[in-house]
């Protein structure tokens, strides 16, 4: 797998519209701004619920975690923090899931084992 991150965007309709970013590659300092720019564009286009599919993320650094945290802050209004998850994760490989857990990101951003379970959780 390449060290370059690619983001494939998909919009799914549930009870609300959910934007899915399928991430592939390395989530590191070289791509931090790319992910943030893609997230900002989606947010500026009116998208309010985001799911990051991490199935094909091979490598995650502190810069990648920072990009996820900044995306969380962009999509989650201050008054909704700790109440409503506007951003969720799914399909994180075990080593990525462990890193996210140790760093505390999973305290604010839920992670699901599958794309479908993550999508269903937006209806709860």
PDB file of N, CA and C in Angstrom:
ATOM      1  N   UNK A   1       0.835  -1.172   0.000  1.00  0.00           N
ATOM      2  CA  UNK A   1       0.000   0.000   0.000  1.00  0.00           C
ATOM      3  C   UNK A   1       0.885   1.241   0.000  1.00  0.00           C
ATOM      4  N   UNK A   2       0.402   2.251  -0.690  1.00  0.00           N
ATOM      5  CA  UNK A   2       1.118   3.509  -0.815  1.00  0.00           C
ATOM      6  C   UNK A   2       1.073   4.316   0.466  1.00  0.00           C
ATOM      7  N   UNK A   3       2.077   5.136   0.660  1.00  0.00           N
ATOM      8  CA  UNK A   3       2.111   6.030   1.807  1.00  0.00           C
ATOM      9  C   UNK A   3       1.184   7.227   1.594  1.00  0.00           C
ATOM     10  N   UNK A   4       0.675   7.399   0.391  1.00  0.00           N
ATOM     11  CA  UNK A   4      -0.219   8.510   0.068  1.00  0.00           C
ATOM     12  C   UNK A   4      -1.633   8.147   0.496  1.00  0.00           C
ATOM     13  N   UNK A   5      -2.324   9.089   1.102  1.00  0.00           N
ATOM     14  CA  UNK A   5      -3.705   8.863   1.516  1.00  0.00           C
ATOM     15  C   UNK A   5      -4.641   9.241   0.389  1.00  0.00           C
ATOM     16  N   UNK A   6      -5.590   8.373   0.111  1.00  0.00           N
ATOM     17  CA  UNK A   6      -6.665   8.719  -0.806  1.00  0.00           C
ATOM     18  C   UNK A   6      -7.963   8.720  -0.013  1.00  0.00           C
ATOM     19  N   UNK A   7      -8.832   9.639  -0.361  1.00  0.00           N
ATOM     20  CA  UNK A   7     -10.130   9.752   0.281  1.00  0.00           C
ATOM     21  C   UNK A   7     -11.190   9.602  -0.796  1.00  0.00           C
ATOM     22  N   UNK A   8     -11.995   8.559  -0.675  1.00  0.00           N
ATOM     23  CA  UNK A   8     -13.114   8.358  -1.586  1.00  0.00           C
ATOM     24  C   UNK A   8     -14.371   8.735  -0.821  1.00  0.00           C
ATOM     25  N   UNK A   9     -15.121   9.651  -1.379  1.00  0.00           N
ATOM     26  CA  UNK A   9     -16.303  10.171  -0.693  1.00  0.00           C
ATOM     27  C   UNK A   9     -17.556   9.501  -1.225  1.00  0.00           C
ATOM     28  N   UNK A  10     -18.462   9.183  -0.297  1.00  0.00           N
ATOM     29  CA  UNK A  10     -19.740   8.569  -0.636  1.00  0.00           C
ATOM     30  C   UNK A  10     -20.795   9.225   0.247  1.00  0.00           C
ATOM     31  N   UNK A  11     -21.953   9.525  -0.322  1.00  0.00           N
ATOM     32  CA  UNK A  11     -23.045  10.087   0.460  1.00  0.00           C
ATOM     33  C   UNK A  11     -24.163   9.069   0.515  1.00  0.00           C
ATOM     34  N   UNK A  12     -24.573   8.732   1.741  1.00  0.00           N
ATOM     35  CA  UNK A  12     -25.622   7.737   1.950  1.00  0.00           C
ATOM     36  C   UNK A  12     -26.797   8.379   2.660  1.00  0.00           C
ATOM     37  N   UNK A  13     -27.991   7.973   2.271  1.00  0.00           N
ATOM     38  CA  UNK A  13     -29.206   8.481   2.903  1.00  0.00           C
ATOM     39  C   UNK A  13     -29.693   7.437   3.895  1.00  0.00           C
ATOM     40  N   UNK A  14     -29.876   7.870   5.101  1.00  0.00           N
ATOM     41  CA  UNK A  14     -30.448   7.076   6.172  1.00  0.00           C
ATOM     42  C   UNK A  14     -31.619   7.927   6.643  1.00  0.00           C
ATOM     43  N   UNK A  15     -31.879   8.014   7.927  1.00  0.00           N
ATOM     44  CA  UNK A  15     -32.850   9.004   8.398  1.00  0.00           C
ATOM     45  C   UNK A  15     -32.269  10.399   8.195  1.00  0.00           C
ATOM     46  N   UNK A  16     -30.970  10.487   8.152  1.00  0.00           N
ATOM     47  CA  UNK A  16     -30.289  11.729   7.807  1.00  0.00           C
ATOM     48  C   UNK A  16     -29.263  11.403   6.726  1.00  0.00           C
ATOM     49  N   UNK A  17     -28.694  12.423   6.139  1.00  0.00           N
ATOM     50  CA  UNK A  17     -27.673  12.216   5.122  1.00  0.00           C
ATOM     51  C   UNK A  17     -26.325  12.055   5.813  1.00  0.00           C
ATOM     52  N   UNK A  18     -25.624  10.995   5.462  1.00  0.00           N
ATOM     53  CA  UNK A  18     -24.331  10.701   6.077  1.00  0.00           C
ATOM     54  C   UNK A  18     -23.272  10.675   4.991  1.00  0.00           C
ATOM     55  N   UNK A  19     -22.213  11.404   5.209  1.00  0.00           N
ATOM     56  CA  UNK A  19     -21.081  11.404   4.297  1.00  0.00           C
ATOM     57  C   UNK A  19     -20.068  10.387   4.809  1.00  0.00           C
ATOM     58  N   UNK A  20     -19.621   9.528   3.917  1.00  0.00           N
ATOM     59  CA  UNK A  20     -18.632   8.516   4.277  1.00  0.00           C
ATOM     60  C   UNK A  20     -17.340   8.824   3.534  1.00  0.00           C
ATOM     61  N   UNK A  21     -16.246   8.913   4.291  1.00  0.00           N
ATOM     62  CA  UNK A  21     -14.924   9.019   3.695  1.00  0.00           C
ATOM     63  C   UNK A  21     -14.261   7.660   3.855  1.00  0.00           C
ATOM     64  N   UNK A  22     -13.983   7.004   2.736  1.00  0.00           N
ATOM     65  CA  UNK A  22     -13.226   5.749   2.753  1.00  0.00           C
ATOM     66  C   UNK A  22     -11.751   6.141   2.621  1.00  0.00           C
ATOM     67  N   UNK A  23     -10.991   5.939   3.680  1.00  0.00           N
ATOM     68  CA  UNK A  23      -9.584   6.351   3.698  1.00  0.00           C
ATOM     69  C   UNK A  23      -8.699   5.167   3.351  1.00  0.00           C
ATOM     70  N   UNK A  24      -7.693   5.444   2.534  1.00  0.00           N
ATOM     71  CA  UNK A  24      -6.763   4.392   2.125  1.00  0.00           C
ATOM     72  C   UNK A  24      -5.350   4.946   2.108  1.00  0.00           C
ATOM     73  N   UNK A  25      -4.464   4.296   2.845  1.00  0.00           N
ATOM     74  CA  UNK A  25      -3.064   4.716   2.852  1.00  0.00           C
ATOM     75  C   UNK A  25      -2.583   5.063   4.242  1.00  0.00           C
ATOM     76  N   UNK A  26      -1.694   6.024   4.301  1.00  0.00           N
ATOM     77  CA  UNK A  26      -1.080   6.437   5.558  1.00  0.00           C
ATOM     78  C   UNK A  26      -1.724   7.722   6.035  1.00  0.00           C
ATOM     79  N   UNK A  27      -2.128   7.735   7.277  1.00  0.00           N
ATOM     80  CA  UNK A  27      -2.713   8.919   7.893  1.00  0.00           C
ATOM     81  C   UNK A  27      -1.620   9.573   8.728  1.00  0.00           C
ATOM     82  N   UNK A  28      -0.846  10.448   8.078  1.00  0.00           N
ATOM     83  CA  UNK A  28       0.321  11.056   8.726  1.00  0.00           C
ATOM     84  C   UNK A  28       0.406  12.540   8.385  1.00  0.00           C
ATOM     85  N   UNK A  29       1.523  13.164   8.732  1.00  0.00           N
ATOM     86  CA  UNK A  29       1.663  14.610   8.555  1.00  0.00           C
ATOM     87  C   UNK A  29       1.599  15.037   7.090  1.00  0.00           C
ATOM     88  N   UNK A  30       1.977  14.171   6.172  1.00  0.00           N
ATOM     89  CA  UNK A  30       1.972  14.539   4.754  1.00  0.00           C
ATOM     90  C   UNK A  30       0.553  14.720   4.227  1.00  0.00           C
ATOM     91  N   UNK A  31      -0.425  14.099   4.872  1.00  0.00           N
ATOM     92  CA  UNK A  31      -1.794  14.161   4.373  1.00  0.00           C
ATOM     93  C   UNK A  31      -2.752  14.880   5.316  1.00  0.00           C
ATOM     94  N   UNK A  32      -2.253  15.328   6.444  1.00  0.00           N
ATOM     95  CA  UNK A  32      -3.132  15.968   7.433  1.00  0.00           C
ATOM     96  C   UNK A  32      -3.988  17.055   6.795  1.00  0.00           C
ATOM     97  N   UNK A  33      -3.376  17.958   6.074  1.00  0.00           N
ATOM     98  CA  UNK A  33      -4.129  19.064   5.470  1.00  0.00           C
ATOM     99  C   UNK A  33      -5.080  18.570   4.379  1.00  0.00           C
ATOM    100  N   UNK A  34      -4.717  17.513   3.662  1.00  0.00           N
ATOM    101  CA  UNK A  34      -5.596  16.957   2.625  1.00  0.00           C
ATOM    102  C   UNK A  34      -6.904  16.468   3.245  1.00  0.00           C
ATOM    103  N   UNK A  35      -6.813  15.722   4.337  1.00  0.00           N
ATOM    104  CA  UNK A  35      -8.014  15.232   5.004  1.00  0.00           C
ATOM    105  C   UNK A  35      -8.840  16.402   5.543  1.00  0.00           C
ATOM    106  N   UNK A  36      -8.183  17.364   6.165  1.00  0.00           N
ATOM    107  CA  UNK A  36      -8.902  18.519   6.707  1.00  0.00           C
ATOM    108  C   UNK A  36      -9.575  19.341   5.604  1.00  0.00           C
ATOM    109  N   UNK A  37      -8.905  19.520   4.489  1.00  0.00           N
ATOM    110  CA  UNK A  37      -9.495  20.277   3.379  1.00  0.00           C
ATOM    111  C   UNK A  37     -10.714  19.547   2.822  1.00  0.00           C
ATOM    112  N   UNK A  38     -10.632  18.239   2.715  1.00  0.00           N
ATOM    113  CA  UNK A  38     -11.758  17.437   2.230  1.00  0.00           C
ATOM    114  C   UNK A  38     -12.928  17.527   3.207  1.00  0.00           C
ATOM    115  N   UNK A  39     -12.626  17.478   4.499  1.00  0.00           N
ATOM    116  CA  UNK A  39     -13.669  17.588   5.526  1.00  0.00           C
ATOM    117  C   UNK A  39     -14.294  18.981   5.510  1.00  0.00           C
ATOM    118  N   UNK A  40     -13.470  20.021   5.386  1.00  0.00           N
ATOM    119  CA  UNK A  40     -13.990  21.394   5.343  1.00  0.00           C
ATOM    120  C   UNK A  40     -14.916  21.592   4.145  1.00  0.00           C
ATOM    121  N   UNK A  41     -14.507  21.045   3.011  1.00  0.00           N
ATOM    122  CA  UNK A  41     -15.329  21.159   1.799  1.00  0.00           C
ATOM    123  C   UNK A  41     -16.691  20.501   2.020  1.00  0.00           C
ATOM    124  N   UNK A  42     -16.694  19.306   2.603  1.00  0.00           N
ATOM    125  CA  UNK A  42     -17.955  18.610   2.876  1.00  0.00           C
ATOM    126  C   UNK A  42     -18.814  19.431   3.840  1.00  0.00           C
ATOM    127  N   UNK A  43     -18.204  19.943   4.897  1.00  0.00           N
ATOM    128  CA  UNK A  43     -18.931  20.734   5.883  1.00  0.00           C
ATOM    129  C   UNK A  43     -19.492  22.010   5.258  1.00  0.00           C
ATOM    130  N   UNK A  44     -18.691  22.686   4.459  1.00  0.00           N
ATOM    131  CA  UNK A  44     -19.134  23.916   3.800  1.00  0.00           C
ATOM    132  C   UNK A  44     -20.245  23.662   2.793  1.00  0.00           C
ATOM    133  N   UNK A  45     -20.356  22.426   2.320  1.00  0.00           N
ATOM    134  CA  UNK A  45     -21.430  22.041   1.398  1.00  0.00           C
ATOM    135  C   UNK A  45     -22.687  21.604   2.149  1.00  0.00           C
ATOM    136  N   UNK A  46     -22.687  21.760   3.474  1.00  0.00           N
ATOM    137  CA  UNK A  46     -23.884  21.470   4.252  1.00  0.00           C
ATOM    138  C   UNK A  46     -23.952  20.083   4.855  1.00  0.00           C
ATOM    139  N   UNK A  47     -22.917  19.301   4.686  1.00  0.00           N
ATOM    140  CA  UNK A  47     -22.915  17.954   5.244  1.00  0.00           C
ATOM    141  C   UNK A  47     -22.603  18.040   6.735  1.00  0.00           C
ATOM    142  N   UNK A  48     -23.386  17.330   7.566  1.00  0.00           N
ATOM    143  CA  UNK A  48     -23.250  17.480   9.013  1.00  0.00           C
ATOM    144  C   UNK A  48     -22.937  16.192   9.758  1.00  0.00           C
ATOM    145  N   UNK A  49     -23.025  15.052   9.090  1.00  0.00           N
ATOM    146  CA  UNK A  49     -22.696  13.781   9.721  1.00  0.00           C
ATOM    147  C   UNK A  49     -21.656  13.066   8.869  1.00  0.00           C
ATOM    148  N   UNK A  50     -20.559  12.668   9.514  1.00  0.00           N
ATOM    149  CA  UNK A  50     -19.415  12.102   8.798  1.00  0.00           C
ATOM    150  C   UNK A  50     -19.013  10.769   9.410  1.00  0.00           C
ATOM    151  N   UNK A  51     -18.758   9.817   8.544  1.00  0.00           N
ATOM    152  CA  UNK A  51     -18.263   8.507   8.949  1.00  0.00           C
ATOM    153  C   UNK A  51     -16.927   8.277   8.251  1.00  0.00           C
ATOM    154  N   UNK A  52     -15.892   8.019   9.049  1.00  0.00           N
ATOM    155  CA  UNK A  52     -14.570   7.720   8.492  1.00  0.00           C
ATOM    156  C   UNK A  52     -14.375   6.216   8.490  1.00  0.00           C
ATOM    157  N   UNK A  53     -14.276   5.641   7.302  1.00  0.00           N
ATOM    158  CA  UNK A  53     -14.027   4.213   7.141  1.00  0.00           C
ATOM    159  C   UNK A  53     -12.516   4.016   7.108  1.00  0.00           C
ATOM    160  N   UNK A  54     -11.996   3.396   8.156  1.00  0.00           N
ATOM    161  CA  UNK A  54     -10.545   3.238   8.313  1.00  0.00           C
ATOM    162  C   UNK A  54     -10.028   1.872   7.862  1.00  0.00           C
ATOM    163  N   UNK A  55     -10.850   1.097   7.174  1.00  0.00           N
ATOM    164  CA  UNK A  55     -10.493  -0.276   6.816  1.00  0.00           C
ATOM    165  C   UNK A  55      -9.152  -0.392   6.105  1.00  0.00           C
ATOM    166  N   UNK A  56      -8.820   0.600   5.284  1.00  0.00           N
ATOM    167  CA  UNK A  56      -7.590   0.507   4.499  1.00  0.00           C
ATOM    168  C   UNK A  56      -6.518   1.491   4.954  1.00  0.00           C
ATOM    169  N   UNK A  57      -6.643   1.958   6.200  1.00  0.00           N
ATOM    170  CA  UNK A  57      -5.593   2.800   6.771  1.00  0.00           C
ATOM    171  C   UNK A  57      -4.521   1.871   7.317  1.00  0.00           C
ATOM    172  N   UNK A  58      -3.329   2.038   6.800  1.00  0.00           N
ATOM    173  CA  UNK A  58      -2.231   1.147   7.158  1.00  0.00           C
ATOM    174  C   UNK A  58      -1.360   1.708   8.273  1.00  0.00           C
ATOM    175  N   UNK A  59      -1.311   3.032   8.370  1.00  0.00           N
ATOM    176  CA  UNK A  59      -0.373   3.675   9.283  1.00  0.00           C
ATOM    177  C   UNK A  59      -1.017   4.928   9.840  1.00  0.00           C
ATOM    178  N   UNK A  60      -0.927   5.144  11.149  1.00  0.00           N
ATOM    179  CA  UNK A  60      -1.508   6.309  11.796  1.00  0.00           C
ATOM    180  C   UNK A  60      -0.486   6.947  12.722  1.00  0.00           C
ATOM    181  N   UNK A  61      -0.225   8.232  12.513  1.00  0.00           N
ATOM    182  CA  UNK A  61       0.728   8.953  13.359  1.00  0.00           C
ATOM    183  C   UNK A  61      -0.036   9.986  14.191  1.00  0.00           C
ATOM    184  N   UNK A  62       0.695  10.713  15.016  1.00  0.00           N
ATOM    185  CA  UNK A  62       0.071  11.757  15.826  1.00  0.00           C
ATOM    186  C   UNK A  62      -0.562  12.830  14.939  1.00  0.00           C
ATOM    187  N   UNK A  63       0.015  13.103  13.797  1.00  0.00           N
ATOM    188  CA  UNK A  63      -0.569  14.078  12.873  1.00  0.00           C
ATOM    189  C   UNK A  63      -1.898  13.567  12.319  1.00  0.00           C
ATOM    190  N   UNK A  64      -1.982  12.294  12.064  1.00  0.00           N
ATOM    191  CA  UNK A  64      -3.237  11.701  11.613  1.00  0.00           C
ATOM    192  C   UNK A  64      -4.302  11.776  12.686  1.00  0.00           C
ATOM    193  N   UNK A  65      -3.901  11.524  13.926  1.00  0.00           N
ATOM    194  CA  UNK A  65      -4.839  11.637  15.044  1.00  0.00           C
ATOM    195  C   UNK A  65      -5.296  13.077  15.214  1.00  0.00           C
ATOM    196  N   UNK A  66      -4.380  14.012  15.023  1.00  0.00           N
ATOM    197  CA  UNK A  66      -4.717  15.433  15.102  1.00  0.00           C
ATOM    198  C   UNK A  66      -5.729  15.798  14.011  1.00  0.00           C
ATOM    199  N   UNK A  67      -5.555  15.253  12.816  1.00  0.00           N
ATOM    200  CA  UNK A  67      -6.494  15.516  11.720  1.00  0.00           C
ATOM    201  C   UNK A  67      -7.888  14.969  12.061  1.00  0.00           C
ATOM    202  N   UNK A  68      -7.942  13.791  12.663  1.00  0.00           N
ATOM    203  CA  UNK A  68      -9.233  13.228  13.074  1.00  0.00           C
ATOM    204  C   UNK A  68      -9.866  14.112  14.141  1.00  0.00           C
ATOM    205  N   UNK A  69      -9.080  14.554  15.108  1.00  0.00           N
ATOM    206  CA  UNK A  69      -9.592  15.411  16.182  1.00  0.00           C
ATOM    207  C   UNK A  69     -10.085  16.752  15.639  1.00  0.00           C
ATOM    208  N   UNK A  70      -9.361  17.345  14.707  1.00  0.00           N
ATOM    209  CA  UNK A  70      -9.785  18.614  14.110  1.00  0.00           C
ATOM    210  C   UNK A  70     -11.069  18.431  13.296  1.00  0.00           C
ATOM    211  N   UNK A  71     -11.188  17.296  12.629  1.00  0.00           N
ATOM    212  CA  UNK A  71     -12.404  16.986  11.879  1.00  0.00           C
ATOM    213  C   UNK A  71     -13.583  16.851  12.834  1.00  0.00           C
ATOM    214  N   UNK A  72     -13.343  16.202  13.970  1.00  0.00           N
ATOM    215  CA  UNK A  72     -14.374  16.080  15.003  1.00  0.00           C
ATOM    216  C   UNK A  72     -14.841  17.468  15.449  1.00  0.00           C
ATOM    217  N   UNK A  73     -13.910  18.358  15.710  1.00  0.00           N
ATOM    218  CA  UNK A  73     -14.265  19.705  16.164  1.00  0.00           C
ATOM    219  C   UNK A  73     -15.015  20.482  15.084  1.00  0.00           C
ATOM    220  N   UNK A  74     -14.655  20.273  13.839  1.00  0.00           N
ATOM    221  CA  UNK A  74     -15.334  20.943  12.737  1.00  0.00           C
ATOM    222  C   UNK A  74     -16.790  20.489  12.635  1.00  0.00           C
ATOM    223  N   UNK A  75     -17.020  19.194  12.725  1.00  0.00           N
ATOM    224  CA  UNK A  75     -18.360  18.644  12.510  1.00  0.00           C
ATOM    225  C   UNK A  75     -19.244  18.654  13.759  1.00  0.00           C
ATOM    226  N   UNK A  76     -18.667  18.827  14.925  1.00  0.00           N
ATOM    227  CA  UNK A  76     -19.451  18.710  16.150  1.00  0.00           C
ATOM    228  C   UNK A  76     -19.569  20.066  16.838  1.00  0.00           C
ATOM    229  N   UNK A  77     -20.775  20.648  16.828  1.00  0.00           N
ATOM    230  CA  UNK A  77     -20.962  21.918  17.530  1.00  0.00           C
ATOM    231  C   UNK A  77     -20.628  21.760  19.017  1.00  0.00           C
ATOM    232  N   UNK A  78     -20.119  22.801  19.622  1.00  0.00           N
ATOM    233  CA  UNK A  78     -19.702  22.751  21.023  1.00  0.00           C
ATOM    234  C   UNK A  78     -20.829  22.241  21.908  1.00  0.00           C
ATOM    235  N   UNK A  79     -22.056  22.695  21.658  1.00  0.00           N
ATOM    236  CA  UNK A  79     -23.174  22.287  22.505  1.00  0.00           C
ATOM    237  C   UNK A  79     -23.544  20.810  22.348  1.00  0.00           C
ATOM    238  N   UNK A  80     -23.098  20.161  21.278  1.00  0.00           N
ATOM    239  CA  UNK A  80     -23.395  18.740  21.058  1.00  0.00           C
ATOM    240  C   UNK A  80     -22.283  17.811  21.536  1.00  0.00           C
ATOM    241  N   UNK A  81     -21.131  18.352  21.862  1.00  0.00           N
ATOM    242  CA  UNK A  81     -20.022  17.499  22.288  1.00  0.00           C
ATOM    243  C   UNK A  81     -20.430  16.733  23.528  1.00  0.00           C
ATOM    244  N   UNK A  82     -20.099  15.477  23.566  1.00  0.00           N
ATOM    245  CA  UNK A  82     -20.438  14.535  24.630  1.00  0.00           C
ATOM    246  C   UNK A  82     -21.925  14.175  24.646  1.00  0.00           C
ATOM    247  N   UNK A  83     -22.707  14.661  23.654  1.00  0.00           N
ATOM    248  CA  UNK A  83     -24.123  14.321  23.568  1.00  0.00           C
ATOM    249  C   UNK A  83     -24.447  13.579  22.274  1.00  0.00           C
ATOM    250  N   UNK A  84     -24.076  14.188  21.156  1.00  0.00           N
ATOM    251  CA  UNK A  84     -24.416  13.652  19.835  1.00  0.00           C
ATOM    252  C   UNK A  84     -23.134  13.485  19.033  1.00  0.00           C
ATOM    253  N   UNK A  85     -22.938  12.307  18.493  1.00  0.00           N
ATOM    254  CA  UNK A  85     -21.746  12.063  17.669  1.00  0.00           C
ATOM    255  C   UNK A  85     -22.059  12.420  16.217  1.00  0.00           C
ATOM    256  N   UNK A  86     -21.477  13.511  15.753  1.00  0.00           N
ATOM    257  CA  UNK A  86     -21.630  13.929  14.357  1.00  0.00           C
ATOM    258  C   UNK A  86     -20.587  13.250  13.475  1.00  0.00           C
ATOM    259  N   UNK A  87     -19.576  12.707  14.084  1.00  0.00           N
ATOM    260  CA  UNK A  87     -18.536  11.984  13.364  1.00  0.00           C
ATOM    261  C   UNK A  87     -18.309  10.650  14.065  1.00  0.00           C
ATOM    262  N   UNK A  88     -18.170   9.610  13.259  1.00  0.00           N
ATOM    263  CA  UNK A  88     -17.936   8.267  13.787  1.00  0.00           C
ATOM    264  C   UNK A  88     -16.879   7.587  12.934  1.00  0.00           C
ATOM    265  N   UNK A  89     -16.310   6.524  13.477  1.00  0.00           N
ATOM    266  CA  UNK A  89     -15.288   5.738  12.787  1.00  0.00           C
ATOM    267  C   UNK A  89     -15.807   4.326  12.601  1.00  0.00           C
ATOM    268  N   UNK A  90     -15.272   3.632  11.604  1.00  0.00           N
ATOM    269  CA  UNK A  90     -15.598   2.210  11.451  1.00  0.00           C
ATOM    270  C   UNK A  90     -14.437   1.474  10.786  1.00  0.00           C
ATOM    271  N   UNK A  91     -14.460   0.167  10.993  1.00  0.00           N
ATOM    272  CA  UNK A  91     -13.526  -0.763  10.339  1.00  0.00           C
ATOM    273  C   UNK A  91     -12.057  -0.516  10.644  1.00  0.00           C
ATOM    274  N   UNK A  92     -11.750   0.077  11.787  1.00  0.00           N
ATOM    275  CA  UNK A  92     -10.347   0.331  12.115  1.00  0.00           C
ATOM    276  C   UNK A  92      -9.617  -0.998  12.303  1.00  0.00           C
ATOM    277  N   UNK A  93      -8.505  -1.204  11.604  1.00  0.00           N
ATOM    278  CA  UNK A  93      -7.694  -2.401  11.858  1.00  0.00           C
ATOM    279  C   UNK A  93      -7.279  -2.423  13.332  1.00  0.00           C
ATOM    280  N   UNK A  94      -7.036  -3.594  13.859  1.00  0.00           N
ATOM    281  CA  UNK A  94      -6.760  -3.754  15.292  1.00  0.00           C
ATOM    282  C   UNK A  94      -5.675  -2.809  15.798  1.00  0.00           C
ATOM    283  N   UNK A  95      -4.563  -2.694  15.077  1.00  0.00           N
ATOM    284  CA  UNK A  95      -3.475  -1.831  15.552  1.00  0.00           C
ATOM    285  C   UNK A  95      -3.885  -0.365  15.546  1.00  0.00           C
ATOM    286  N   UNK A  96      -4.698   0.050  14.590  1.00  0.00           N
ATOM    287  CA  UNK A  96      -5.188   1.431  14.533  1.00  0.00           C
ATOM    288  C   UNK A  96      -6.182   1.663  15.669  1.00  0.00           C
ATOM    289  N   UNK A  97      -7.065   0.696  15.894  1.00  0.00           N
ATOM    290  CA  UNK A  97      -8.043   0.793  16.976  1.00  0.00           C
ATOM    291  C   UNK A  97      -7.337   0.945  18.328  1.00  0.00           C
ATOM    292  N   UNK A  98      -6.288   0.181  18.525  1.00  0.00           N
ATOM    293  CA  UNK A  98      -5.546   0.268  19.788  1.00  0.00           C
ATOM    294  C   UNK A  98      -4.931   1.657  19.982  1.00  0.00           C
ATOM    295  N   UNK A  99      -4.356   2.200  18.931  1.00  0.00           N
ATOM    296  CA  UNK A  99      -3.756   3.542  19.005  1.00  0.00           C
ATOM    297  C   UNK A  99      -4.834   4.577  19.341  1.00  0.00           C
ATOM    298  N   UNK A 100      -5.971   4.477  18.687  1.00  0.00           N
ATOM    299  CA  UNK A 100      -7.063   5.420  18.938  1.00  0.00           C
ATOM    300  C   UNK A 100      -7.562   5.313  20.379  1.00  0.00           C
ATOM    301  N   UNK A 101      -7.598   4.094  20.894  1.00  0.00           N
ATOM    302  CA  UNK A 101      -8.041   3.888  22.268  1.00  0.00           C
ATOM    303  C   UNK A 101      -7.060   4.437  23.280  1.00  0.00           C
ATOM    304  N   UNK A 102      -5.788   4.168  23.080  1.00  0.00           N
ATOM    305  CA  UNK A 102      -4.754   4.627  24.009  1.00  0.00           C
ATOM    306  C   UNK A 102      -4.691   6.153  24.052  1.00  0.00           C
ATOM    307  N   UNK A 103      -4.897   6.791  22.926  1.00  0.00           N
ATOM    308  CA  UNK A 103      -4.787   8.251  22.866  1.00  0.00           C
ATOM    309  C   UNK A 103      -6.038   8.969  23.369  1.00  0.00           C
ATOM    310  N   UNK A 104      -7.114   8.237  23.577  1.00  0.00           N
ATOM    311  CA  UNK A 104      -8.339   8.833  24.099  1.00  0.00           C
ATOM    312  C   UNK A 104      -9.301   9.337  23.044  1.00  0.00           C
ATOM    313  N   UNK A 105      -8.972   9.209  21.790  1.00  0.00           N
ATOM    314  CA  UNK A 105      -9.872   9.677  20.731  1.00  0.00           C
ATOM    315  C   UNK A 105     -11.214   8.966  20.800  1.00  0.00           C
ATOM    316  N   UNK A 106     -11.206   7.693  21.170  1.00  0.00           N
ATOM    317  CA  UNK A 106     -12.445   6.925  21.200  1.00  0.00           C
ATOM    318  C   UNK A 106     -13.372   7.350  22.342  1.00  0.00           C
ATOM    319  N   UNK A 107     -12.897   8.209  23.236  1.00  0.00           N
ATOM    320  CA  UNK A 107     -13.779   8.743  24.281  1.00  0.00           C
ATOM    321  C   UNK A 107     -14.811   9.697  23.680  1.00  0.00           C
ATOM    322  N   UNK A 108     -14.454  10.365  22.591  1.00  0.00           N
ATOM    323  CA  UNK A 108     -15.346  11.324  21.938  1.00  0.00           C
ATOM    324  C   UNK A 108     -15.919  10.826  20.618  1.00  0.00           C
ATOM    325  N   UNK A 109     -15.184   9.974  19.939  1.00  0.00           N
ATOM    326  CA  UNK A 109     -15.589   9.527  18.606  1.00  0.00           C
ATOM    327  C   UNK A 109     -15.796   8.021  18.640  1.00  0.00           C
ATOM    328  N   UNK A 110     -17.042   7.566  18.511  1.00  0.00           N
ATOM    329  CA  UNK A 110     -17.291   6.121  18.554  1.00  0.00           C
ATOM    330  C   UNK A 110     -16.715   5.402  17.345  1.00  0.00           C
ATOM    331  N   UNK A 111     -16.302   4.155  17.581  1.00  0.00           N
ATOM    332  CA  UNK A 111     -15.736   3.300  16.530  1.00  0.00           C
ATOM    333  C   UNK A 111     -16.590   2.042  16.437  1.00  0.00           C
ATOM    334  N   UNK A 112     -16.915   1.634  15.229  1.00  0.00           N
ATOM    335  CA  UNK A 112     -17.767   0.474  14.993  1.00  0.00           C
ATOM    336  C   UNK A 112     -17.031  -0.563  14.160  1.00  0.00           C
ATOM    337  N   UNK A 113     -17.429  -1.819  14.345  1.00  0.00           N
ATOM    338  CA  UNK A 113     -16.781  -2.933  13.647  1.00  0.00           C
ATOM    339  C   UNK A 113     -17.116  -2.997  12.161  1.00  0.00           C
ATOM    340  N   UNK A 114     -18.234  -2.405  11.776  1.00  0.00           N
ATOM    341  CA  UNK A 114     -18.622  -2.479  10.364  1.00  0.00           C
ATOM    342  C   UNK A 114     -19.239  -1.173   9.907  1.00  0.00           C
ATOM    343  N   UNK A 115     -19.244  -0.978   8.628  1.00  0.00           N
ATOM    344  CA  UNK A 115     -19.852   0.202   8.032  1.00  0.00           C
ATOM    345  C   UNK A 115     -21.337   0.235   8.355  1.00  0.00           C
ATOM    346  N   UNK A 116     -22.000  -0.899   8.239  1.00  0.00           N
ATOM    347  CA  UNK A 116     -23.443  -0.949   8.472  1.00  0.00           C
ATOM    348  C   UNK A 116     -23.804  -0.624   9.913  1.00  0.00           C
ATOM    349  N   UNK A 117     -23.063  -1.168  10.864  1.00  0.00           N
ATOM    350  CA  UNK A 117     -23.379  -0.869  12.276  1.00  0.00           C
ATOM    351  C   UNK A 117     -23.148   0.615  12.580  1.00  0.00           C
ATOM    352  N   UNK A 118     -22.147   1.201  11.965  1.00  0.00           N
ATOM    353  CA  UNK A 118     -21.899   2.639  12.148  1.00  0.00           C
ATOM    354  C   UNK A 118     -23.042   3.454  11.545  1.00  0.00           C
ATOM    355  N   UNK A 119     -23.474   3.088  10.335  1.00  0.00           N
ATOM    356  CA  UNK A 119     -24.584   3.792   9.696  1.00  0.00           C
ATOM    357  C   UNK A 119     -25.850   3.669  10.530  1.00  0.00           C
ATOM    358  N   UNK A 120     -26.129   2.476  11.025  1.00  0.00           N
ATOM    359  CA  UNK A 120     -27.327   2.255  11.845  1.00  0.00           C
ATOM    360  C   UNK A 120     -27.294   3.096  13.106  1.00  0.00           C
ATOM    361  N   UNK A 121     -26.100   3.313  13.657  1.00  0.00           N
ATOM    362  CA  UNK A 121     -25.985   4.076  14.904  1.00  0.00           C
ATOM    363  C   UNK A 121     -26.384   5.541  14.740  1.00  0.00           C
ATOM    364  N   UNK A 122     -26.351   6.055  13.519  1.00  0.00           N
ATOM    365  CA  UNK A 122     -26.777   7.434  13.307  1.00  0.00           C
ATOM    366  C   UNK A 122     -28.283   7.594  13.496  1.00  0.00           C
ATOM    367  N   UNK A 123     -29.026   6.473  13.450  1.00  0.00           N
ATOM    368  CA  UNK A 123     -30.483   6.508  13.623  1.00  0.00           C
ATOM    369  C   UNK A 123     -30.899   6.403  15.079  1.00  0.00           C
ATOM    370  N   UNK A 124     -29.978   6.091  15.963  1.00  0.00           N
ATOM    371  CA  UNK A 124     -30.329   5.875  17.367  1.00  0.00           C
ATOM    372  C   UNK A 124     -30.478   7.165  18.125  1.00  0.00           C
TER     373      UNK A 124
END
